[in-house]
Amino acid sequence: MTTSGKRWTVYDRYGSPIYLTHERWCHIIDQTNHPEMEYYEELLKTTLRKGKRRQEPLNPRKYRYSHLFRNLPDDVNHIVAIVMFGFDVDAQGQVIPNNFVATAFFKHIRLKGQP
């Protein structure tokens, strides 16, 4: 994926830059995907900045970020973002991070100590 068309870039709590493109945002909020995310873009940024990160065991480039929010609609309580990690080469030949949001969605995750 190219880095053009970036909507924004944030840094996770480990210092890794992560960006979202206009194309990926349109994919996320498309009516056939996760249109409920349309008004939660700022919380998506918070999820990436402060959320827990877990590496997918079958694809080491893929990370799942999740963060608890108590003000989400219905019975969901987390925003989850799938981020693909990689590298690119800039115009000077330097290797640079190329970490982008592939998708994001709401999820209910049962909290420890709750039924």
N, C-alpha and C. Protein backbone atom coordinates (compact mmCIF):
# COMPACT_ATOMS: atom_id res chain seq x y z
N MET A 1 0.85 -1.17 0.00
CA MET A 1 0.00 0.00 0.00
C MET A 1 0.89 1.24 0.00
N THR A 2 0.58 2.20 -0.81
CA THR A 2 1.36 3.43 -0.84
C THR A 2 0.93 4.33 0.30
N THR A 3 1.78 5.28 0.62
CA THR A 3 1.49 6.17 1.74
C THR A 3 0.75 7.43 1.30
N SER A 4 0.44 7.58 0.01
CA SER A 4 -0.30 8.75 -0.43
C SER A 4 -1.76 8.60 0.00
N GLY A 5 -2.43 9.74 0.12
CA GLY A 5 -3.83 9.71 0.52
C GLY A 5 -4.03 9.55 2.01
N LYS A 6 -3.01 9.87 2.80
CA LYS A 6 -3.13 9.74 4.25
C LYS A 6 -4.15 10.73 4.79
N ARG A 7 -4.97 10.25 5.69
CA ARG A 7 -5.94 11.08 6.40
C ARG A 7 -5.28 11.67 7.64
N TRP A 8 -4.55 10.81 8.37
CA TRP A 8 -3.82 11.22 9.56
C TRP A 8 -2.82 10.14 9.95
N THR A 9 -1.91 10.52 10.84
CA THR A 9 -0.93 9.60 11.42
C THR A 9 -0.91 9.84 12.92
N VAL A 10 -0.89 8.76 13.69
CA VAL A 10 -0.73 8.84 15.15
C VAL A 10 0.41 7.90 15.54
N TYR A 11 0.86 8.01 16.77
CA TYR A 11 1.90 7.13 17.30
C TYR A 11 1.30 6.30 18.43
N ASP A 12 1.54 5.00 18.39
CA ASP A 12 1.04 4.15 19.47
C ASP A 12 1.93 4.31 20.69
N ARG A 13 1.59 3.65 21.77
CA ARG A 13 2.33 3.82 23.02
C ARG A 13 3.73 3.23 22.98
N TYR A 14 4.07 2.56 21.89
CA TYR A 14 5.43 2.03 21.70
C TYR A 14 6.24 2.90 20.75
N GLY A 15 5.64 4.01 20.29
CA GLY A 15 6.33 4.93 19.40
C GLY A 15 6.22 4.60 17.93
N SER A 16 5.41 3.62 17.59
CA SER A 16 5.24 3.23 16.18
C SER A 16 4.25 4.15 15.48
N PRO A 17 4.64 4.74 14.33
CA PRO A 17 3.68 5.56 13.58
C PRO A 17 2.68 4.66 12.87
N ILE A 18 1.41 5.07 12.90
CA ILE A 18 0.33 4.33 12.23
C ILE A 18 -0.52 5.36 11.51
N TYR A 19 -0.81 5.09 10.23
CA TYR A 19 -1.63 6.04 9.48
C TYR A 19 -2.90 5.38 8.97
N LEU A 20 -3.88 6.26 8.68
CA LEU A 20 -5.14 5.85 8.06
C LEU A 20 -5.26 6.60 6.76
N THR A 21 -5.58 5.90 5.68
CA THR A 21 -5.78 6.56 4.39
C THR A 21 -7.27 6.87 4.21
N HIS A 22 -7.54 7.78 3.29
CA HIS A 22 -8.93 8.09 2.93
C HIS A 22 -9.61 6.83 2.39
N GLU A 23 -8.91 6.06 1.60
CA GLU A 23 -9.48 4.83 1.01
C GLU A 23 -9.89 3.85 2.09
N ARG A 24 -9.04 3.64 3.10
CA ARG A 24 -9.35 2.70 4.18
C ARG A 24 -10.51 3.21 5.03
N TRP A 25 -10.56 4.53 5.27
CA TRP A 25 -11.67 5.09 6.04
C TRP A 25 -12.98 4.88 5.30
N CYS A 26 -12.99 5.12 4.01
CA CYS A 26 -14.21 4.89 3.22
C CYS A 26 -14.60 3.42 3.26
N HIS A 27 -13.62 2.53 3.22
CA HIS A 27 -13.89 1.08 3.33
C HIS A 27 -14.52 0.76 4.69
N ILE A 28 -13.96 1.31 5.76
CA ILE A 28 -14.45 1.02 7.11
C ILE A 28 -15.90 1.45 7.26
N ILE A 29 -16.22 2.67 6.86
CA ILE A 29 -17.57 3.20 7.10
C ILE A 29 -18.56 2.87 5.99
N ASP A 30 -18.15 2.10 5.01
CA ASP A 30 -19.06 1.66 3.95
C ASP A 30 -20.25 0.91 4.57
N GLN A 31 -21.41 1.06 3.97
CA GLN A 31 -22.63 0.44 4.49
C GLN A 31 -22.53 -1.08 4.63
N THR A 32 -21.69 -1.72 3.83
CA THR A 32 -21.56 -3.18 3.91
C THR A 32 -20.49 -3.62 4.92
N ASN A 33 -19.81 -2.67 5.53
CA ASN A 33 -18.74 -3.02 6.49
C ASN A 33 -19.11 -2.55 7.90
N HIS A 34 -18.60 -1.39 8.31
CA HIS A 34 -18.81 -0.93 9.68
C HIS A 34 -19.28 0.53 9.71
N PRO A 35 -20.45 0.82 9.14
CA PRO A 35 -20.91 2.21 9.06
C PRO A 35 -21.09 2.86 10.44
N GLU A 36 -21.25 2.04 11.47
CA GLU A 36 -21.41 2.57 12.83
C GLU A 36 -20.16 3.31 13.31
N MET A 37 -19.03 3.10 12.65
CA MET A 37 -17.77 3.76 13.05
C MET A 37 -17.68 5.21 12.57
N GLU A 38 -18.58 5.64 11.71
CA GLU A 38 -18.47 6.95 11.08
C GLU A 38 -18.24 8.10 12.05
N TYR A 39 -18.88 8.07 13.20
CA TYR A 39 -18.78 9.18 14.15
C TYR A 39 -17.76 8.92 15.26
N TYR A 40 -16.92 7.91 15.09
CA TYR A 40 -15.99 7.51 16.14
C TYR A 40 -14.53 7.54 15.69
N GLU A 41 -14.21 8.37 14.73
CA GLU A 41 -12.85 8.45 14.23
C GLU A 41 -11.86 8.91 15.31
N GLU A 42 -12.26 9.84 16.15
CA GLU A 42 -11.37 10.30 17.22
C GLU A 42 -11.11 9.18 18.22
N LEU A 43 -12.13 8.35 18.50
CA LEU A 43 -11.92 7.22 19.40
C LEU A 43 -11.04 6.15 18.76
N LEU A 44 -11.09 6.05 17.45
CA LEU A 44 -10.17 5.15 16.75
C LEU A 44 -8.73 5.61 16.97
N LYS A 45 -8.49 6.90 16.88
CA LYS A 45 -7.15 7.44 17.15
C LYS A 45 -6.72 7.13 18.59
N THR A 46 -7.65 7.30 19.54
CA THR A 46 -7.35 6.99 20.94
C THR A 46 -7.01 5.52 21.10
N THR A 47 -7.74 4.65 20.41
CA THR A 47 -7.47 3.22 20.46
C THR A 47 -6.05 2.92 20.03
N LEU A 48 -5.60 3.56 18.97
CA LEU A 48 -4.24 3.33 18.48
C LEU A 48 -3.20 3.92 19.42
N ARG A 49 -3.48 5.07 19.98
CA ARG A 49 -2.51 5.73 20.88
C ARG A 49 -2.36 5.02 22.22
N LYS A 50 -3.50 4.55 22.78
CA LYS A 50 -3.49 4.07 24.16
C LYS A 50 -3.89 2.62 24.33
N GLY A 51 -4.40 2.00 23.28
CA GLY A 51 -4.97 0.66 23.42
C GLY A 51 -3.94 -0.45 23.58
N LYS A 52 -4.46 -1.60 23.97
CA LYS A 52 -3.62 -2.80 24.05
C LYS A 52 -3.36 -3.30 22.65
N ARG A 53 -2.18 -3.88 22.46
CA ARG A 53 -1.78 -4.36 21.14
C ARG A 53 -1.43 -5.84 21.25
N ARG A 54 -1.94 -6.63 20.30
CA ARG A 54 -1.63 -8.05 20.26
C ARG A 54 -1.26 -8.44 18.84
N GLN A 55 -0.13 -9.12 18.71
CA GLN A 55 0.33 -9.58 17.40
C GLN A 55 -0.43 -10.85 17.03
N GLU A 56 -0.88 -10.92 15.79
CA GLU A 56 -1.59 -12.10 15.32
C GLU A 56 -0.59 -13.24 15.13
N PRO A 57 -0.88 -14.42 15.66
CA PRO A 57 0.09 -15.52 15.60
C PRO A 57 0.35 -16.06 14.19
N LEU A 58 -0.63 -16.00 13.30
CA LEU A 58 -0.44 -16.55 11.97
C LEU A 58 0.09 -15.54 10.95
N ASN A 59 0.08 -14.26 11.33
CA ASN A 59 0.61 -13.22 10.45
C ASN A 59 1.35 -12.21 11.33
N PRO A 60 2.65 -12.33 11.49
CA PRO A 60 3.39 -11.45 12.40
C PRO A 60 3.40 -9.98 12.01
N ARG A 61 2.96 -9.65 10.81
CA ARG A 61 2.86 -8.24 10.39
C ARG A 61 1.55 -7.60 10.87
N LYS A 62 0.61 -8.42 11.32
CA LYS A 62 -0.73 -7.96 11.65
C LYS A 62 -0.89 -7.83 13.17
N TYR A 63 -1.36 -6.65 13.60
CA TYR A 63 -1.58 -6.37 15.01
C TYR A 63 -3.03 -5.97 15.23
N ARG A 64 -3.56 -6.38 16.37
CA ARG A 64 -4.92 -6.04 16.77
C ARG A 64 -4.82 -5.11 17.97
N TYR A 65 -5.32 -3.90 17.82
CA TYR A 65 -5.38 -2.92 18.90
C TYR A 65 -6.81 -2.89 19.43
N SER A 66 -6.95 -2.82 20.75
CA SER A 66 -8.29 -2.68 21.33
C SER A 66 -8.22 -1.75 22.52
N HIS A 67 -9.33 -1.03 22.72
CA HIS A 67 -9.40 -0.10 23.84
C HIS A 67 -10.84 -0.05 24.36
N LEU A 68 -10.97 -0.06 25.68
CA LEU A 68 -12.26 0.00 26.35
C LEU A 68 -12.80 1.42 26.34
N PHE A 69 -14.08 1.55 25.96
CA PHE A 69 -14.81 2.82 26.05
C PHE A 69 -16.16 2.50 26.68
N ARG A 70 -16.57 3.30 27.63
CA ARG A 70 -17.84 3.04 28.31
C ARG A 70 -19.01 3.80 27.70
N ASN A 71 -18.75 4.61 26.66
CA ASN A 71 -19.81 5.43 26.09
C ASN A 71 -20.16 5.04 24.64
N LEU A 72 -19.92 3.79 24.28
CA LEU A 72 -20.25 3.33 22.93
C LEU A 72 -21.72 2.91 22.86
N PRO A 73 -22.31 2.91 21.67
CA PRO A 73 -23.73 2.56 21.57
C PRO A 73 -23.99 1.06 21.81
N ASP A 74 -25.25 0.78 22.09
CA ASP A 74 -25.72 -0.60 22.27
C ASP A 74 -24.93 -1.30 23.36
N ASP A 75 -24.56 -2.54 23.14
CA ASP A 75 -23.87 -3.30 24.18
C ASP A 75 -22.38 -3.49 23.88
N VAL A 76 -21.82 -2.68 22.97
CA VAL A 76 -20.39 -2.80 22.68
C VAL A 76 -19.60 -1.96 23.68
N ASN A 77 -18.35 -2.35 23.91
CA ASN A 77 -17.54 -1.61 24.88
C ASN A 77 -16.09 -1.40 24.43
N HIS A 78 -15.74 -1.86 23.23
CA HIS A 78 -14.38 -1.69 22.73
C HIS A 78 -14.40 -1.25 21.26
N ILE A 79 -13.37 -0.52 20.90
CA ILE A 79 -13.06 -0.31 19.49
C ILE A 79 -11.83 -1.15 19.21
N VAL A 80 -11.89 -1.89 18.11
CA VAL A 80 -10.79 -2.75 17.69
C VAL A 80 -10.29 -2.23 16.35
N ALA A 81 -8.98 -2.16 16.20
CA ALA A 81 -8.37 -1.74 14.93
C ALA A 81 -7.37 -2.81 14.51
N ILE A 82 -7.40 -3.15 13.25
CA ILE A 82 -6.42 -4.08 12.68
C ILE A 82 -5.39 -3.24 11.93
N VAL A 83 -4.13 -3.40 12.31
CA VAL A 83 -3.04 -2.61 11.72
C VAL A 83 -2.03 -3.55 11.08
N MET A 84 -1.66 -3.24 9.86
CA MET A 84 -0.62 -3.99 9.15
C MET A 84 0.69 -3.22 9.29
N PHE A 85 1.72 -3.90 9.80
CA PHE A 85 3.04 -3.31 9.97
C PHE A 85 3.93 -3.72 8.79
N GLY A 86 4.75 -2.80 8.36
CA GLY A 86 5.67 -3.09 7.27
C GLY A 86 6.70 -1.98 7.15
N PHE A 87 7.45 -2.03 6.05
CA PHE A 87 8.48 -1.03 5.79
C PHE A 87 8.40 -0.58 4.35
N ASP A 88 8.92 0.60 4.09
CA ASP A 88 9.01 1.16 2.75
C ASP A 88 10.38 1.82 2.64
N VAL A 89 10.70 2.31 1.47
CA VAL A 89 11.95 3.02 1.25
C VAL A 89 11.60 4.42 0.75
N ASP A 90 12.14 5.45 1.40
CA ASP A 90 11.83 6.82 0.99
C ASP A 90 12.71 7.25 -0.18
N ALA A 91 12.55 8.48 -0.63
CA ALA A 91 13.26 9.00 -1.81
C ALA A 91 14.78 9.02 -1.61
N GLN A 92 15.23 9.06 -0.36
CA GLN A 92 16.67 9.06 -0.07
C GLN A 92 17.22 7.65 0.13
N GLY A 93 16.38 6.64 -0.06
CA GLY A 93 16.82 5.27 0.10
C GLY A 93 16.81 4.76 1.53
N GLN A 94 16.21 5.54 2.43
CA GLN A 94 16.13 5.14 3.84
C GLN A 94 14.92 4.24 4.07
N VAL A 95 15.10 3.22 4.89
CA VAL A 95 13.99 2.35 5.26
C VAL A 95 13.15 3.07 6.31
N ILE A 96 11.84 3.14 6.05
CA ILE A 96 10.92 3.84 6.96
C ILE A 96 9.73 2.93 7.28
N PRO A 97 9.10 3.14 8.44
CA PRO A 97 7.93 2.34 8.79
C PRO A 97 6.78 2.60 7.84
N ASN A 98 5.99 1.58 7.57
CA ASN A 98 4.79 1.69 6.75
C ASN A 98 3.70 0.88 7.45
N ASN A 99 3.11 1.48 8.50
CA ASN A 99 2.12 0.82 9.34
C ASN A 99 0.77 1.50 9.13
N PHE A 100 -0.22 0.73 8.67
CA PHE A 100 -1.49 1.36 8.33
C PHE A 100 -2.68 0.59 8.89
N VAL A 101 -3.76 1.33 9.14
CA VAL A 101 -5.02 0.74 9.60
C VAL A 101 -5.67 0.05 8.41
N ALA A 102 -5.95 -1.24 8.57
CA ALA A 102 -6.65 -2.00 7.53
C ALA A 102 -8.16 -1.92 7.73
N THR A 103 -8.59 -2.02 8.99
CA THR A 103 -10.02 -1.91 9.31
C THR A 103 -10.18 -1.60 10.79
N ALA A 104 -11.40 -1.26 11.17
CA ALA A 104 -11.72 -0.96 12.57
C ALA A 104 -13.20 -1.25 12.78
N PHE A 105 -13.54 -1.65 14.00
CA PHE A 105 -14.94 -2.01 14.28
C PHE A 105 -15.20 -1.99 15.78
N PHE A 106 -16.49 -2.02 16.14
CA PHE A 106 -16.93 -2.14 17.53
C PHE A 106 -16.94 -3.61 17.92
N LYS A 107 -16.76 -3.86 19.21
CA LYS A 107 -16.85 -5.22 19.71
C LYS A 107 -17.21 -5.19 21.18
N HIS A 108 -17.99 -6.18 21.62
CA HIS A 108 -18.22 -6.37 23.04
C HIS A 108 -17.22 -7.39 23.54
N ILE A 109 -16.42 -6.99 24.52
CA ILE A 109 -15.45 -7.90 25.13
C ILE A 109 -15.81 -8.00 26.61
N ARG A 110 -16.04 -9.20 27.06
CA ARG A 110 -16.41 -9.42 28.46
C ARG A 110 -15.23 -9.05 29.34
N LEU A 111 -15.48 -8.22 30.32
CA LEU A 111 -14.44 -7.77 31.23
C LEU A 111 -14.25 -8.79 32.35
N LYS A 112 -13.03 -8.93 32.83
CA LYS A 112 -12.74 -9.85 33.93
C LYS A 112 -13.60 -9.50 35.14
N GLY A 113 -14.15 -10.52 35.77
CA GLY A 113 -14.96 -10.30 36.96
C GLY A 113 -16.41 -9.94 36.67
N GLN A 114 -16.79 -9.89 35.39
CA GLN A 114 -18.18 -9.61 35.03
C GLN A 114 -18.77 -10.80 34.32
N PRO A 115 -20.07 -11.03 34.54
CA PRO A 115 -20.71 -12.18 33.89
C PRO A 115 -20.85 -12.03 32.39
